[in-house]
Amino acid sequence: MNAANRSGCPINLTLEVLGDRWSLLVIRDMMFGGRRRFRELLTRSEEGIASNILADRLKRLMDAGLLTRADDPSHKQKAIYSLTEAAIQLVPVFAQMGAWGRRHRPVSDELSIRAQLLEEGGPKLWDRFMDELRAEHLGAPANPGPTVREELQAAYEEVAARAG
């Protein structure tokens, strides 16, 4: 066991990496929002993360092996962040967290529709979404047709339009 870890418990070890709210939200925004640059993650999050906290979480997530960073070919001083396979495999965890939140917290219709569709779609939809994330972030071959993210976004826009 690594001396920095409190115990070898798998739940504890997961919480040591993902146990703060911002780490999970950064991964969420990359997965479901397609945000891969610092500025996008900073300005387009519902929760309004501070720039110093975002920089810290990106570094922590890279150190933990959940993100990688590459130079942005369009600008020398900018970077593009990618999910690793370990982060992509969190899709079922996010689906379960969303399902729990829908059942037990006062969610809004427009912000919970994605969670509803992920829950209803189950492992088959999660696998499809993980394959799409592998194509986007790891360079795996992409499947044709609308993506899960596009389907979730369309459902969100439909519910938001009815609510607004």
Protein backbone atom coordinates (compact mmCIF):
# COMPACT_ATOMS: atom_id res chain seq x y z
CA MET A 1 0.00 0.00 0.00
CA ASN A 2 1.24 3.49 -0.86
CA ALA A 3 2.06 5.50 2.28
CA ALA A 4 0.09 8.49 0.92
CA ASN A 5 -3.15 6.48 0.90
CA ARG A 6 -5.11 6.10 4.12
CA SER A 7 -6.04 2.50 3.37
CA GLY A 8 -6.19 -0.06 0.60
CA CYS A 9 -10.01 0.09 0.51
CA PRO A 10 -11.15 0.56 -3.11
CA ILE A 11 -13.88 3.04 -2.09
CA ASN A 12 -11.38 5.09 -0.08
CA LEU A 13 -8.85 5.04 -2.93
CA THR A 14 -11.53 6.21 -5.39
CA LEU A 15 -12.58 9.00 -3.02
CA GLU A 16 -8.97 10.11 -2.66
CA VAL A 17 -8.99 10.81 -6.42
CA LEU A 18 -12.60 11.88 -6.99
CA GLY A 19 -13.84 12.84 -3.52
CA ASP A 20 -14.10 16.58 -4.07
CA ARG A 21 -16.98 18.05 -6.01
CA TRP A 22 -14.87 19.88 -8.59
CA SER A 23 -12.97 16.84 -9.89
CA LEU A 24 -16.17 15.04 -10.80
CA LEU A 25 -17.65 18.17 -12.37
CA VAL A 26 -14.57 18.73 -14.55
CA ILE A 27 -14.84 15.14 -15.80
CA ARG A 28 -18.62 15.57 -16.26
CA ASP A 29 -18.12 18.71 -18.36
CA MET A 30 -15.52 16.97 -20.51
CA MET A 31 -17.68 13.86 -20.98
CA PHE A 32 -21.10 15.34 -21.46
CA GLY A 33 -20.25 18.88 -22.56
CA GLY A 34 -17.35 18.07 -24.89
CA ARG A 35 -15.24 20.74 -23.16
CA ARG A 36 -11.52 20.11 -23.55
CA ARG A 37 -9.86 23.50 -23.16
CA PHE A 38 -9.26 25.46 -19.96
CA ARG A 39 -11.38 28.44 -21.04
CA GLU A 40 -14.35 26.21 -21.98
CA LEU A 41 -14.18 24.40 -18.65
CA LEU A 42 -13.88 27.71 -16.79
CA THR A 43 -16.67 29.69 -18.46
CA ARG A 44 -19.24 27.09 -19.52
CA SER A 45 -19.80 25.21 -16.26
CA GLU A 46 -23.17 25.60 -14.54
CA GLU A 47 -21.46 25.76 -11.16
CA GLY A 48 -18.89 28.48 -11.90
CA ILE A 49 -15.52 27.05 -10.90
CA ALA A 50 -12.75 29.52 -10.03
CA SER A 51 -9.70 29.52 -12.32
CA ASN A 52 -7.24 28.56 -9.56
CA ILE A 53 -9.42 25.62 -8.50
CA LEU A 54 -9.82 24.49 -12.10
CA ALA A 55 -6.04 24.61 -12.67
CA ASP A 56 -5.50 22.61 -9.47
CA ARG A 57 -8.11 19.97 -10.38
CA LEU A 58 -6.78 19.55 -13.91
CA LYS A 59 -3.30 18.94 -12.47
CA ARG A 60 -4.65 16.50 -9.85
CA LEU A 61 -6.66 14.59 -12.46
CA MET A 62 -3.59 14.35 -14.71
CA ASP A 63 -1.45 13.18 -11.77
CA ALA A 64 -4.10 10.53 -10.99
CA GLY A 65 -4.06 9.28 -14.60
CA LEU A 66 -7.58 10.42 -15.48
CA LEU A 67 -6.61 13.18 -17.93
CA THR A 68 -3.82 13.89 -20.36
CA ARG A 69 -2.73 17.26 -21.70
CA ALA A 70 -1.45 18.07 -25.18
CA ASP A 71 -0.44 21.34 -26.80
CA ASP A 72 -3.22 22.96 -28.79
CA PRO A 73 -2.03 23.15 -32.41
CA SER A 74 -3.98 26.39 -32.89
CA HIS A 75 -2.18 28.26 -30.07
CA LYS A 76 1.24 27.63 -28.48
CA GLN A 77 0.21 28.65 -24.96
CA LYS A 78 -3.03 26.66 -24.85
CA ALA A 79 -3.70 23.00 -24.16
CA ILE A 80 -6.28 20.37 -25.02
CA TYR A 81 -7.21 17.95 -22.26
CA SER A 82 -8.31 14.38 -22.94
CA LEU A 83 -9.97 11.74 -20.83
CA THR A 84 -7.98 8.56 -20.30
CA GLU A 85 -9.49 5.08 -20.42
CA ALA A 86 -9.77 5.16 -16.61
CA ALA A 87 -11.89 8.34 -16.77
CA ILE A 88 -14.00 7.01 -19.65
CA GLN A 89 -14.84 3.97 -17.53
CA LEU A 90 -16.55 6.34 -15.06
CA VAL A 91 -19.56 6.67 -17.43
CA PRO A 92 -21.59 4.01 -15.52
CA VAL A 93 -20.71 5.75 -12.24
CA PHE A 94 -22.01 9.06 -13.59
CA ALA A 95 -25.15 7.32 -14.86
CA GLN A 96 -25.77 5.82 -11.42
CA MET A 97 -25.06 9.12 -9.66
CA GLY A 98 -27.52 10.88 -11.97
CA ALA A 99 -30.16 8.20 -11.35
CA TRP A 100 -29.71 8.53 -7.59
CA GLY A 101 -29.87 12.34 -7.80
CA ARG A 102 -33.09 12.19 -9.83
CA ARG A 103 -34.72 9.97 -7.19
CA HIS A 104 -33.49 11.72 -4.07
CA ARG A 105 -32.73 15.39 -4.84
CA PRO A 106 -34.82 18.35 -6.11
CA VAL A 107 -33.53 18.33 -9.71
CA SER A 108 -34.72 20.51 -12.58
CA ASP A 109 -36.39 18.87 -15.57
CA GLU A 110 -33.91 20.26 -18.09
CA LEU A 111 -30.81 19.33 -16.10
CA SER A 112 -32.07 15.85 -15.23
CA ILE A 113 -33.21 14.70 -18.68
CA ARG A 114 -29.71 13.48 -19.58
CA ALA A 115 -29.57 11.43 -16.37
CA GLN A 116 -33.00 9.98 -17.15
CA LEU A 117 -31.94 8.94 -20.65
CA LEU A 118 -28.69 7.44 -19.36
CA GLU A 119 -30.59 5.47 -16.73
CA GLU A 120 -33.19 4.26 -19.22
CA GLY A 121 -30.54 3.42 -21.83
CA GLY A 122 -28.61 1.31 -19.35
CA PRO A 123 -25.32 -0.50 -20.03
CA LYS A 124 -25.90 -0.69 -23.79
CA LEU A 125 -26.09 3.12 -24.05
CA TRP A 126 -23.18 3.55 -21.61
CA ASP A 127 -21.01 1.24 -23.72
CA ARG A 128 -21.88 3.18 -26.85
CA PHE A 129 -21.06 6.47 -25.13
CA MET A 130 -17.73 5.08 -23.83
CA ASP A 131 -16.84 3.96 -27.36
CA GLU A 132 -17.61 7.48 -28.63
CA LEU A 133 -15.46 9.01 -25.89
CA ARG A 134 -12.63 6.63 -26.83
CA ALA A 135 -12.89 7.87 -30.43
CA GLU A 136 -12.91 11.51 -29.35
CA HIS A 137 -10.23 11.37 -26.64
CA LEU A 138 -8.07 8.34 -27.48
CA GLY A 139 -8.26 8.23 -31.28
CA ALA A 140 -10.22 4.97 -31.52
CA PRO A 141 -12.34 4.46 -34.66
CA ALA A 142 -15.63 6.36 -34.58
CA ASN A 143 -19.02 4.85 -35.33
CA PRO A 144 -21.27 6.65 -37.83
CA GLY A 145 -24.54 8.32 -36.89
CA PRO A 146 -25.65 10.65 -34.14
CA THR A 147 -23.62 10.43 -30.97
CA VAL A 148 -24.96 9.80 -27.49
CA ARG A 149 -23.84 13.32 -26.52
CA GLU A 150 -25.83 14.77 -29.45
CA GLU A 151 -28.90 12.75 -28.43
CA LEU A 152 -28.60 13.88 -24.79
CA GLN A 153 -28.11 17.51 -25.88
CA ALA A 154 -31.16 17.39 -28.16
CA ALA A 155 -33.29 16.03 -25.30
CA TYR A 156 -31.98 18.79 -23.00
CA GLU A 157 -32.76 21.50 -25.57
CA GLU A 158 -36.27 20.09 -26.08
CA VAL A 159 -37.05 20.12 -22.34
CA ALA A 160 -35.44 23.54 -21.87
CA ALA A 161 -37.54 24.98 -24.72
CA ARG A 162 -40.74 23.66 -23.11
CA ALA A 163 -39.72 25.05 -19.73
CA GLY A 164 -38.64 28.43 -21.08
